[in-house]
C-alpha cells in the first residue's frame, strides 16, 4: 500500500524509492527510503542512500 501526501504532487521525470511518497519536483530522484510524506523536494535534486532524519525540529538561526 502506498502512502502519499494529501495535498501534494509528483512532477514528471521524478523517481522515488519505497512506498511512501512525498512532494517531488521535476527531474528529482531519491535512492533513499523516505519515511515521511510531509517533505517537499525541489527541482533537480538527488538524494543518496543513507538519508537520516532527526526526531526534533532543527532551529534556524
C-alpha atoms as a PDB file:
ATOM      1  CA  UNK A   1       0.000   0.000   0.000  1.00  0.00           C
ATOM      2  CA  UNK A   2       1.400   3.389  -0.971  1.00  0.00           C
ATOM      3  CA  UNK A   3       1.364   6.367   1.399  1.00  0.00           C
ATOM      4  CA  UNK A   4       1.142   9.725  -0.346  1.00  0.00           C
ATOM      5  CA  UNK A   5       0.780  13.399   0.650  1.00  0.00           C
ATOM      6  CA  UNK A   6      -2.772  14.703   0.936  1.00  0.00           C
ATOM      7  CA  UNK A   7      -2.192  17.979  -0.965  1.00  0.00           C
ATOM      8  CA  UNK A   8       0.915  17.147  -2.931  1.00  0.00           C
ATOM      9  CA  UNK A   9       2.287  16.494  -6.360  1.00  0.00           C
ATOM     10  CA  UNK A  10       4.950  14.483  -8.108  1.00  0.00           C
ATOM     11  CA  UNK A  11       6.092  16.123 -11.321  1.00  0.00           C
ATOM     12  CA  UNK A  12       7.114  14.201 -14.425  1.00  0.00           C
ATOM     13  CA  UNK A  13      10.598  12.659 -14.683  1.00  0.00           C
ATOM     14  CA  UNK A  14      10.766  12.177 -10.893  1.00  0.00           C
ATOM     15  CA  UNK A  15      11.612   8.911  -9.178  1.00  0.00           C
ATOM     16  CA  UNK A  16      11.148   7.694  -5.602  1.00  0.00           C
ATOM     17  CA  UNK A  17      12.347   4.508  -3.941  1.00  0.00           C
ATOM     18  CA  UNK A  18       9.916   2.940  -1.458  1.00  0.00           C
ATOM     19  CA  UNK A  19       6.203   3.029  -0.712  1.00  0.00           C
ATOM     20  CA  UNK A  20       5.964   6.444   0.994  1.00  0.00           C
ATOM     21  CA  UNK A  21       5.583   9.314  -1.470  1.00  0.00           C
ATOM     22  CA  UNK A  22       6.318  12.990  -0.852  1.00  0.00           C
ATOM     23  CA  UNK A  23       6.113  16.143  -2.971  1.00  0.00           C
ATOM     24  CA  UNK A  24       8.812  15.953  -5.605  1.00  0.00           C
ATOM     25  CA  UNK A  25       9.525  18.386  -8.427  1.00  0.00           C
ATOM     26  CA  UNK A  26      10.770  17.975 -11.987  1.00  0.00           C
ATOM     27  CA  UNK A  27      13.921  15.851 -12.604  1.00  0.00           C
ATOM     28  CA  UNK A  28      14.445  14.887  -8.939  1.00  0.00           C
ATOM     29  CA  UNK A  29      15.064  11.383  -7.654  1.00  0.00           C
ATOM     30  CA  UNK A  30      15.717   9.533  -4.435  1.00  0.00           C
ATOM     31  CA  UNK A  31      17.609   6.298  -3.845  1.00  0.00           C
ATOM     32  CA  UNK A  32      16.938   6.599  -0.099  1.00  0.00           C
ATOM     33  CA  UNK A  33      13.929   5.065   1.588  1.00  0.00           C
ATOM     34  CA  UNK A  34      11.937   8.177   2.525  1.00  0.00           C
ATOM     35  CA  UNK A  35       9.964   7.582   5.709  1.00  0.00           C
ATOM     36  CA  UNK A  36       7.917  10.811   5.734  1.00  0.00           C
ATOM     37  CA  UNK A  37       5.206  12.102   3.408  1.00  0.00           C
ATOM     38  CA  UNK A  38       5.481  15.730   4.630  1.00  0.00           C
ATOM     39  CA  UNK A  39       8.696  16.529   2.710  1.00  0.00           C
ATOM     40  CA  UNK A  40       8.899  18.898  -0.251  1.00  0.00           C
ATOM     41  CA  UNK A  41      11.791  18.142  -2.616  1.00  0.00           C
ATOM     42  CA  UNK A  42      12.650  20.813  -5.172  1.00  0.00           C
ATOM     43  CA  UNK A  43      13.671  20.607  -8.813  1.00  0.00           C
ATOM     44  CA  UNK A  44      16.782  18.752  -9.994  1.00  0.00           C
ATOM     45  CA  UNK A  45      17.575  17.209  -6.587  1.00  0.00           C
ATOM     46  CA  UNK A  46      19.164  13.848  -5.953  1.00  0.00           C
ATOM     47  CA  UNK A  47      19.043  12.068  -2.618  1.00  0.00           C
ATOM     48  CA  UNK A  48      21.532   9.263  -1.980  1.00  0.00           C
ATOM     49  CA  UNK A  49      21.220   6.084   0.087  1.00  0.00           C
ATOM     50  CA  UNK A  50      21.576   6.510   3.840  1.00  0.00           C
ATOM     51  CA  UNK A  51      19.423   9.599   4.376  1.00  0.00           C
ATOM     52  CA  UNK A  52      18.575  10.002   8.080  1.00  0.00           C
ATOM     53  CA  UNK A  53      16.051  12.243   9.820  1.00  0.00           C
ATOM     54  CA  UNK A  54      16.422  13.861  13.216  1.00  0.00           C
ATOM     55  CA  UNK A  55      13.491  13.341  15.576  1.00  0.00           C
ATOM     56  CA  UNK A  56      13.053  17.004  16.542  1.00  0.00           C
ATOM     57  CA  UNK A  57      12.854  20.280  14.645  1.00  0.00           C
ATOM     58  CA  UNK A  58      16.207  21.842  13.887  1.00  0.00           C
ATOM     59  CA  UNK A  59      16.203  25.520  14.824  1.00  0.00           C
ATOM     60  CA  UNK A  60      17.037  28.033  12.102  1.00  0.00           C
ATOM     61  CA  UNK A  61      19.389  30.738  13.336  1.00  0.00           C
END
